[in-house]
């Protein structure tokens, strides 16, 4: 099946002719995270929405984006879906039989209370992934997928789902891996972006929302960390427990 015409006509949907494929869709989300205007090239959709992003590049990754694909096909057609600062409304696409492949997390420094920027510009990877005894929970909450992301995957039987982040993966002179703000240093513009992939999300038979997932972290296309059978409680914006 192709993407239904009523879906393509939605104000929050952007597509291309010929239809974009997964690699192109993921590349465009990466460009949006980088505030690269090339992400908008050739997109068809609501002209006012497109103009909104074209007028101010900082808006490109201030909001979440989603990638949705058709259910069938070896090389399925995909669309981009624009969301808000707190998420993408995937409900109508699931109802149409489409599959949410990925979503991005926003980046902004609006206020000290709501900023998505990492304090100090960067945080050591081992200080947010459960390795070191002292964990920086505030930064983990910004960087990692949320309990809501895991719950969404389990409730909709998604075999895999990507979470694109605005952060970059870098190393200090002692070769210690850090996760950094993309604007913390001019050299970071070319650094690989941090992406997570949620796999094997399954709901546990409990009264309260309870999920288990496998999680892989990527620097660009290179996997550098994986953890299996993570226990996730809740379904909101709370961070996962590692």
C-alpha atoms as a PDB file:
ATOM      1  CA  UNK A   1       0.000   0.000   0.000  1.00  0.00           C
ATOM      2  CA  UNK A   2       1.116   3.556  -0.628  1.00  0.00           C
ATOM      3  CA  UNK A   3       0.706   6.430   1.822  1.00  0.00           C
ATOM      4  CA  UNK A   4      -3.041   7.308   1.656  1.00  0.00           C
ATOM      5  CA  UNK A   5      -3.918  10.637   0.012  1.00  0.00           C
ATOM      6  CA  UNK A   6      -5.774  11.978   3.107  1.00  0.00           C
ATOM      7  CA  UNK A   7      -2.585  11.483   5.105  1.00  0.00           C
ATOM      8  CA  UNK A   8      -0.484  13.346   2.540  1.00  0.00           C
ATOM      9  CA  UNK A   9      -2.946  16.250   2.715  1.00  0.00           C
ATOM     10  CA  UNK A  10      -2.518  16.767   6.468  1.00  0.00           C
ATOM     11  CA  UNK A  11      -0.981  20.073   7.610  1.00  0.00           C
ATOM     12  CA  UNK A  12       1.660  18.248   9.662  1.00  0.00           C
ATOM     13  CA  UNK A  13       2.816  15.897   6.866  1.00  0.00           C
ATOM     14  CA  UNK A  14       5.657  16.515   4.435  1.00  0.00           C
ATOM     15  CA  UNK A  15       6.514  14.238   1.524  1.00  0.00           C
ATOM     16  CA  UNK A  16       8.376  14.165  -1.778  1.00  0.00           C
ATOM     17  CA  UNK A  17       7.697  13.140  -5.366  1.00  0.00           C
ATOM     18  CA  UNK A  18       8.801  10.467  -5.983  1.00  0.00           C
ATOM     19  CA  UNK A  19       8.148   9.268  -2.414  1.00  0.00           C
ATOM     20  CA  UNK A  20      11.064   9.443  -0.010  1.00  0.00           C
ATOM     21  CA  UNK A  21      12.539   6.205   1.303  1.00  0.00           C
ATOM     22  CA  UNK A  22      13.850   5.430   4.775  1.00  0.00           C
ATOM     23  CA  UNK A  23      17.438   6.542   4.199  1.00  0.00           C
ATOM     24  CA  UNK A  24      16.278   9.897   2.849  1.00  0.00           C
ATOM     25  CA  UNK A  25      13.783  10.367   5.678  1.00  0.00           C
ATOM     26  CA  UNK A  26      16.388   9.630   8.356  1.00  0.00           C
ATOM     27  CA  UNK A  27      18.906  11.902   6.603  1.00  0.00           C
ATOM     28  CA  UNK A  28      16.397  14.748   6.574  1.00  0.00           C
ATOM     29  CA  UNK A  29      15.683  14.361  10.288  1.00  0.00           C
ATOM     30  CA  UNK A  30      19.421  14.486  10.914  1.00  0.00           C
ATOM     31  CA  UNK A  31      19.602  17.671   8.844  1.00  0.00           C
ATOM     32  CA  UNK A  32      16.705  19.152  10.793  1.00  0.00           C
ATOM     33  CA  UNK A  33      18.589  18.437  14.014  1.00  0.00           C
ATOM     34  CA  UNK A  34      21.543  20.309  12.494  1.00  0.00           C
ATOM     35  CA  UNK A  35      19.298  23.208  11.379  1.00  0.00           C
ATOM     36  CA  UNK A  36      20.389  22.535   7.808  1.00  0.00           C
ATOM     37  CA  UNK A  37      18.016  24.112   5.249  1.00  0.00           C
ATOM     38  CA  UNK A  38      18.752  21.218   2.871  1.00  0.00           C
ATOM     39  CA  UNK A  39      16.297  19.203   4.978  1.00  0.00           C
ATOM     40  CA  UNK A  40      13.443  21.207   3.438  1.00  0.00           C
ATOM     41  CA  UNK A  41      14.571  20.899  -0.181  1.00  0.00           C
ATOM     42  CA  UNK A  42      11.915  19.298  -2.366  1.00  0.00           C
ATOM     43  CA  UNK A  43       9.433  18.787   0.452  1.00  0.00           C
ATOM     44  CA  UNK A  44       5.764  19.082  -0.364  1.00  0.00           C
ATOM     45  CA  UNK A  45       3.236  20.022   2.278  1.00  0.00           C
ATOM     46  CA  UNK A  46       1.525  22.977   3.861  1.00  0.00           C
ATOM     47  CA  UNK A  47       3.268  26.069   2.455  1.00  0.00           C
ATOM     48  CA  UNK A  48       2.739  28.098   5.615  1.00  0.00           C
ATOM     49  CA  UNK A  49       4.300  25.360   7.752  1.00  0.00           C
ATOM     50  CA  UNK A  50       7.276  25.145   5.395  1.00  0.00           C
ATOM     51  CA  UNK A  51       7.659  28.926   5.436  1.00  0.00           C
ATOM     52  CA  UNK A  52       7.614  28.825   9.242  1.00  0.00           C
ATOM     53  CA  UNK A  53      10.808  26.752   9.223  1.00  0.00           C
ATOM     54  CA  UNK A  54      12.378  28.525   6.266  1.00  0.00           C
ATOM     55  CA  UNK A  55      12.051  31.931   7.947  1.00  0.00           C
ATOM     56  CA  UNK A  56      14.057  30.932  11.006  1.00  0.00           C
ATOM     57  CA  UNK A  57      16.423  27.944  10.957  1.00  0.00           C
ATOM     58  CA  UNK A  58      16.465  27.793  14.764  1.00  0.00           C
ATOM     59  CA  UNK A  59      12.868  26.527  14.615  1.00  0.00           C
ATOM     60  CA  UNK A  60      13.875  23.376  12.737  1.00  0.00           C
ATOM     61  CA  UNK A  61      14.968  21.427  15.798  1.00  0.00           C
ATOM     62  CA  UNK A  62      13.002  23.350  18.403  1.00  0.00           C
ATOM     63  CA  UNK A  63      10.160  20.913  17.785  1.00  0.00           C
ATOM     64  CA  UNK A  64       9.997  17.145  17.448  1.00  0.00           C
ATOM     65  CA  UNK A  65       9.760  15.405  14.071  1.00  0.00           C
ATOM     66  CA  UNK A  66       8.582  11.932  13.201  1.00  0.00           C
ATOM     67  CA  UNK A  67       9.281   9.459  10.414  1.00  0.00           C
ATOM     68  CA  UNK A  68       6.356   7.264   9.363  1.00  0.00           C
ATOM     69  CA  UNK A  69       6.375   4.526   6.744  1.00  0.00           C
ATOM     70  CA  UNK A  70       3.812   2.466   4.887  1.00  0.00           C
ATOM     71  CA  UNK A  71       3.215  -0.969   6.410  1.00  0.00           C
ATOM     72  CA  UNK A  72       4.104  -3.101   3.400  1.00  0.00           C
ATOM     73  CA  UNK A  73       6.951  -3.218   0.957  1.00  0.00           C
ATOM     74  CA  UNK A  74      10.629  -4.089   1.045  1.00  0.00           C
ATOM     75  CA  UNK A  75      11.561  -0.459   0.441  1.00  0.00           C
ATOM     76  CA  UNK A  76       8.539   1.390   1.843  1.00  0.00           C
ATOM     77  CA  UNK A  77       7.485   4.954   1.172  1.00  0.00           C
ATOM     78  CA  UNK A  78       8.014   7.371   4.082  1.00  0.00           C
ATOM     79  CA  UNK A  79       6.780  10.768   5.213  1.00  0.00           C
ATOM     80  CA  UNK A  80       7.948  13.347   7.727  1.00  0.00           C
ATOM     81  CA  UNK A  81       5.564  14.506  10.441  1.00  0.00           C
ATOM     82  CA  UNK A  82       6.036  17.768  12.314  1.00  0.00           C
ATOM     83  CA  UNK A  83       5.239  17.772  16.005  1.00  0.00           C
ATOM     84  CA  UNK A  84       5.431  20.130  18.933  1.00  0.00           C
ATOM     85  CA  UNK A  85       8.059  20.719  21.623  1.00  0.00           C
ATOM     86  CA  UNK A  86       6.718  17.768  23.610  1.00  0.00           C
ATOM     87  CA  UNK A  87       6.071  15.102  21.010  1.00  0.00           C
ATOM     88  CA  UNK A  88       4.642  13.931  17.695  1.00  0.00           C
ATOM     89  CA  UNK A  89       0.960  12.959  17.414  1.00  0.00           C
ATOM     90  CA  UNK A  90       1.334   9.519  15.837  1.00  0.00           C
ATOM     91  CA  UNK A  91      -2.262   8.423  16.550  1.00  0.00           C
ATOM     92  CA  UNK A  92      -3.797   9.271  13.158  1.00  0.00           C
ATOM     93  CA  UNK A  93      -0.993   7.471  11.345  1.00  0.00           C
ATOM     94  CA  UNK A  94      -1.339   4.327  13.431  1.00  0.00           C
ATOM     95  CA  UNK A  95      -5.085   4.387  12.749  1.00  0.00           C
ATOM     96  CA  UNK A  96      -4.301   4.546   9.013  1.00  0.00           C
ATOM     97  CA  UNK A  97      -2.172   1.403   9.291  1.00  0.00           C
ATOM     98  CA  UNK A  98       1.160   3.202   9.039  1.00  0.00           C
ATOM     99  CA  UNK A  99       4.236   2.537  11.174  1.00  0.00           C
ATOM    100  CA  UNK A 100       6.137   5.176  13.199  1.00  0.00           C
ATOM    101  CA  UNK A 101       9.811   4.503  12.497  1.00  0.00           C
ATOM    102  CA  UNK A 102      11.441   7.295  14.459  1.00  0.00           C
ATOM    103  CA  UNK A 103      11.094  10.630  16.154  1.00  0.00           C
ATOM    104  CA  UNK A 104      13.522  13.352  17.086  1.00  0.00           C
ATOM    105  CA  UNK A 105      14.041  15.153  20.358  1.00  0.00           C
ATOM    106  CA  UNK A 106      14.095  18.967  20.307  1.00  0.00           C
ATOM    107  CA  UNK A 107      16.875  21.326  21.256  1.00  0.00           C
ATOM    108  CA  UNK A 108      16.329  24.767  22.710  1.00  0.00           C
ATOM    109  CA  UNK A 109      17.617  27.023  25.461  1.00  0.00           C
ATOM    110  CA  UNK A 110      14.369  28.915  26.093  1.00  0.00           C
ATOM    111  CA  UNK A 111      14.657  29.158  29.870  1.00  0.00           C
ATOM    112  CA  UNK A 112      16.879  27.754  32.579  1.00  0.00           C
ATOM    113  CA  UNK A 113      13.963  25.659  33.800  1.00  0.00           C
ATOM    114  CA  UNK A 114      13.042  24.138  30.438  1.00  0.00           C
ATOM    115  CA  UNK A 115      16.316  24.147  28.518  1.00  0.00           C
ATOM    116  CA  UNK A 116      17.298  21.045  26.584  1.00  0.00           C
ATOM    117  CA  UNK A 117      20.960  22.050  26.693  1.00  0.00           C
ATOM    118  CA  UNK A 118      23.384  20.004  28.776  1.00  0.00           C
ATOM    119  CA  UNK A 119      24.676  22.050  31.715  1.00  0.00           C
ATOM    120  CA  UNK A 120      28.314  22.996  31.177  1.00  0.00           C
ATOM    121  CA  UNK A 121      28.112  21.968  27.529  1.00  0.00           C
ATOM    122  CA  UNK A 122      28.837  18.247  27.936  1.00  0.00           C
ATOM    123  CA  UNK A 123      28.537  15.252  30.244  1.00  0.00           C
ATOM    124  CA  UNK A 124      30.620  12.070  30.424  1.00  0.00           C
ATOM    125  CA  UNK A 125      28.785   9.150  28.854  1.00  0.00           C
ATOM    126  CA  UNK A 126      29.529   6.858  31.818  1.00  0.00           C
ATOM    127  CA  UNK A 127      27.921   9.399  34.136  1.00  0.00           C
ATOM    128  CA  UNK A 128      24.528   8.935  32.483  1.00  0.00           C
ATOM    129  CA  UNK A 129      24.523   5.304  31.303  1.00  0.00           C
ATOM    130  CA  UNK A 130      24.563   3.578  34.696  1.00  0.00           C
ATOM    131  CA  UNK A 131      28.298   2.730  34.732  1.00  0.00           C
ATOM    132  CA  UNK A 132      29.642   5.133  37.354  1.00  0.00           C
ATOM    133  CA  UNK A 133      28.180   5.164  40.891  1.00  0.00           C
ATOM    134  CA  UNK A 134      27.390   8.890  40.663  1.00  0.00           C
ATOM    135  CA  UNK A 135      24.868   9.368  37.884  1.00  0.00           C
ATOM    136  CA  UNK A 136      23.788  12.736  36.511  1.00  0.00           C
ATOM    137  CA  UNK A 137      20.033  12.129  36.440  1.00  0.00           C
ATOM    138  CA  UNK A 138      19.140  15.620  35.218  1.00  0.00           C
ATOM    139  CA  UNK A 139      21.233  15.262  32.063  1.00  0.00           C
ATOM    140  CA  UNK A 140      20.178  11.648  31.511  1.00  0.00           C
ATOM    141  CA  UNK A 141      16.568  12.813  31.466  1.00  0.00           C
ATOM    142  CA  UNK A 142      17.386  15.246  28.651  1.00  0.00           C
ATOM    143  CA  UNK A 143      19.501  12.867  26.602  1.00  0.00           C
ATOM    144  CA  UNK A 144      18.020   9.366  26.828  1.00  0.00           C
ATOM    145  CA  UNK A 145      14.658   8.202  25.478  1.00  0.00           C
ATOM    146  CA  UNK A 146      11.860   8.678  27.992  1.00  0.00           C
ATOM    147  CA  UNK A 147       9.647   6.147  29.721  1.00  0.00           C
ATOM    148  CA  UNK A 148       6.924   7.456  27.434  1.00  0.00           C
ATOM    149  CA  UNK A 149       8.975   6.508  24.373  1.00  0.00           C
ATOM    150  CA  UNK A 150       9.381   2.948  25.659  1.00  0.00           C
ATOM    151  CA  UNK A 151       5.715   2.686  26.619  1.00  0.00           C
ATOM    152  CA  UNK A 152       4.621   3.957  23.193  1.00  0.00           C
ATOM    153  CA  UNK A 153       6.677   1.250  21.478  1.00  0.00           C
ATOM    154  CA  UNK A 154       5.302  -1.531  23.691  1.00  0.00           C
ATOM    155  CA  UNK A 155       1.685  -0.425  23.305  1.00  0.00           C
ATOM    156  CA  UNK A 156       1.902  -0.266  19.515  1.00  0.00           C
ATOM    157  CA  UNK A 157       3.955  -3.430  18.920  1.00  0.00           C
ATOM    158  CA  UNK A 158       6.819  -1.553  17.296  1.00  0.00           C
ATOM    159  CA  UNK A 159       9.661  -3.993  16.711  1.00  0.00           C
ATOM    160  CA  UNK A 160      12.118  -1.137  16.511  1.00  0.00           C
ATOM    161  CA  UNK A 161      11.970   2.643  16.861  1.00  0.00           C
ATOM    162  CA  UNK A 162      14.703   5.260  16.561  1.00  0.00           C
ATOM    163  CA  UNK A 163      15.080   8.313  18.768  1.00  0.00           C
ATOM    164  CA  UNK A 164      17.202  10.974  17.098  1.00  0.00           C
ATOM    165  CA  UNK A 165      18.807  13.431  19.510  1.00  0.00           C
ATOM    166  CA  UNK A 166      20.359  16.855  18.881  1.00  0.00           C
ATOM    167  CA  UNK A 167      23.471  15.942  20.891  1.00  0.00           C
ATOM    168  CA  UNK A 168      26.879  14.933  19.565  1.00  0.00           C
ATOM    169  CA  UNK A 169      29.314  12.215  20.607  1.00  0.00           C
ATOM    170  CA  UNK A 170      32.863  13.480  21.227  1.00  0.00           C
ATOM    171  CA  UNK A 171      36.021  12.493  23.109  1.00  0.00           C
ATOM    172  CA  UNK A 172      38.210  14.535  25.441  1.00  0.00           C
ATOM    173  CA  UNK A 173      42.049  14.414  25.305  1.00  0.00           C
ATOM    174  CA  UNK A 174      42.007  11.426  27.682  1.00  0.00           C
ATOM    175  CA  UNK A 175      39.848   9.539  25.169  1.00  0.00           C
ATOM    176  CA  UNK A 176      36.792   9.590  27.444  1.00  0.00           C
ATOM    177  CA  UNK A 177      33.494   9.674  25.583  1.00  0.00           C
ATOM    178  CA  UNK A 178      31.259  12.675  26.203  1.00  0.00           C
ATOM    179  CA  UNK A 179      27.797  13.681  25.048  1.00  0.00           C
ATOM    180  CA  UNK A 180      27.790  17.376  24.174  1.00  0.00           C
ATOM    181  CA  UNK A 181      25.565  20.184  23.028  1.00  0.00           C
ATOM    182  CA  UNK A 182      25.868  20.658  19.270  1.00  0.00           C
ATOM    183  CA  UNK A 183      26.741  24.316  19.775  1.00  0.00           C
ATOM    184  CA  UNK A 184      29.198  23.838  22.663  1.00  0.00           C
ATOM    185  CA  UNK A 185      32.192  24.180  20.305  1.00  0.00           C
ATOM    186  CA  UNK A 186      32.481  25.093  16.603  1.00  0.00           C
ATOM    187  CA  UNK A 187      34.187  21.758  15.882  1.00  0.00           C
ATOM    188  CA  UNK A 188      31.128  19.876  17.118  1.00  0.00           C
ATOM    189  CA  UNK A 189      29.139  20.819  14.031  1.00  0.00           C
ATOM    190  CA  UNK A 190      30.770  17.906  12.209  1.00  0.00           C
ATOM    191  CA  UNK A 191      30.667  15.457  15.143  1.00  0.00           C
ATOM    192  CA  UNK A 192      28.390  12.398  14.875  1.00  0.00           C
ATOM    193  CA  UNK A 193      24.930  12.775  16.356  1.00  0.00           C
ATOM    194  CA  UNK A 194      23.719  10.576  19.187  1.00  0.00           C
ATOM    195  CA  UNK A 195      20.881   8.252  18.178  1.00  0.00           C
ATOM    196  CA  UNK A 196      19.110   5.596  20.228  1.00  0.00           C
ATOM    197  CA  UNK A 197      17.266   2.575  18.942  1.00  0.00           C
ATOM    198  CA  UNK A 198      14.570   0.937  21.051  1.00  0.00           C
ATOM    199  CA  UNK A 199      14.138  -2.763  20.315  1.00  0.00           C
ATOM    200  CA  UNK A 200      11.968  -5.561  21.624  1.00  0.00           C
ATOM    201  CA  UNK A 201       9.699  -3.322  23.725  1.00  0.00           C
ATOM    202  CA  UNK A 202       7.219  -5.459  25.640  1.00  0.00           C
ATOM    203  CA  UNK A 203       4.592  -4.579  28.197  1.00  0.00           C
ATOM    204  CA  UNK A 204       4.520  -6.501  31.465  1.00  0.00           C
ATOM    205  CA  UNK A 205       1.171  -7.687  32.899  1.00  0.00           C
ATOM    206  CA  UNK A 206       1.011  -5.221  35.769  1.00  0.00           C
ATOM    207  CA  UNK A 207      -1.635  -2.729  36.847  1.00  0.00           C
ATOM    208  CA  UNK A 208       0.687   0.256  36.397  1.00  0.00           C
ATOM    209  CA  UNK A 209       2.467   0.846  33.064  1.00  0.00           C
ATOM    210  CA  UNK A 210       5.554  -1.343  33.037  1.00  0.00           C
ATOM    211  CA  UNK A 211       7.792  -1.998  30.043  1.00  0.00           C
ATOM    212  CA  UNK A 212      11.043  -3.753  29.245  1.00  0.00           C
ATOM    213  CA  UNK A 213      13.237  -2.771  26.301  1.00  0.00           C
ATOM    214  CA  UNK A 214      16.585  -3.345  24.677  1.00  0.00           C
ATOM    215  CA  UNK A 215      18.417  -0.116  23.884  1.00  0.00           C
ATOM    216  CA  UNK A 216      21.328   0.653  21.566  1.00  0.00           C
ATOM    217  CA  UNK A 217      23.215   3.961  21.314  1.00  0.00           C
ATOM    218  CA  UNK A 218      24.827   5.106  18.058  1.00  0.00           C
ATOM    219  CA  UNK A 219      27.361   7.784  17.191  1.00  0.00           C
ATOM    220  CA  UNK A 220      26.165   8.496  13.686  1.00  0.00           C
ATOM    221  CA  UNK A 221      25.799   5.007  12.199  1.00  0.00           C
ATOM    222  CA  UNK A 222      28.225   3.285  14.594  1.00  0.00           C
ATOM    223  CA  UNK A 223      26.763   1.405  17.571  1.00  0.00           C
ATOM    224  CA  UNK A 224      28.890   1.941  20.678  1.00  0.00           C
ATOM    225  CA  UNK A 225      26.652   0.823  23.581  1.00  0.00           C
ATOM    226  CA  UNK A 226      23.867  -1.668  24.110  1.00  0.00           C
ATOM    227  CA  UNK A 227      21.872  -2.735  27.132  1.00  0.00           C
ATOM    228  CA  UNK A 228      19.302  -5.515  27.177  1.00  0.00           C
ATOM    229  CA  UNK A 229      16.175  -6.014  29.222  1.00  0.00           C
ATOM    230  CA  UNK A 230      15.930  -2.526  30.712  1.00  0.00           C
ATOM    231  CA  UNK A 231      13.060  -2.181  33.167  1.00  0.00           C
ATOM    232  CA  UNK A 232      10.957   0.936  32.489  1.00  0.00           C
ATOM    233  CA  UNK A 233       8.166   2.055  34.805  1.00  0.00           C
ATOM    234  CA  UNK A 234       5.666   4.746  33.881  1.00  0.00           C
ATOM    235  CA  UNK A 235       4.567   6.205  30.595  1.00  0.00           C
ATOM    236  CA  UNK A 236       5.230   9.959  30.723  1.00  0.00           C
ATOM    237  CA  UNK A 237       8.300  12.110  30.394  1.00  0.00           C
ATOM    238  CA  UNK A 238      10.159  10.328  33.174  1.00  0.00           C
ATOM    239  CA  UNK A 239      13.581   8.985  32.350  1.00  0.00           C
ATOM    240  CA  UNK A 240      14.384   5.310  32.122  1.00  0.00           C
ATOM    241  CA  UNK A 241      16.276   3.610  34.945  1.00  0.00           C
ATOM    242  CA  UNK A 242      19.657   2.077  34.024  1.00  0.00           C
END
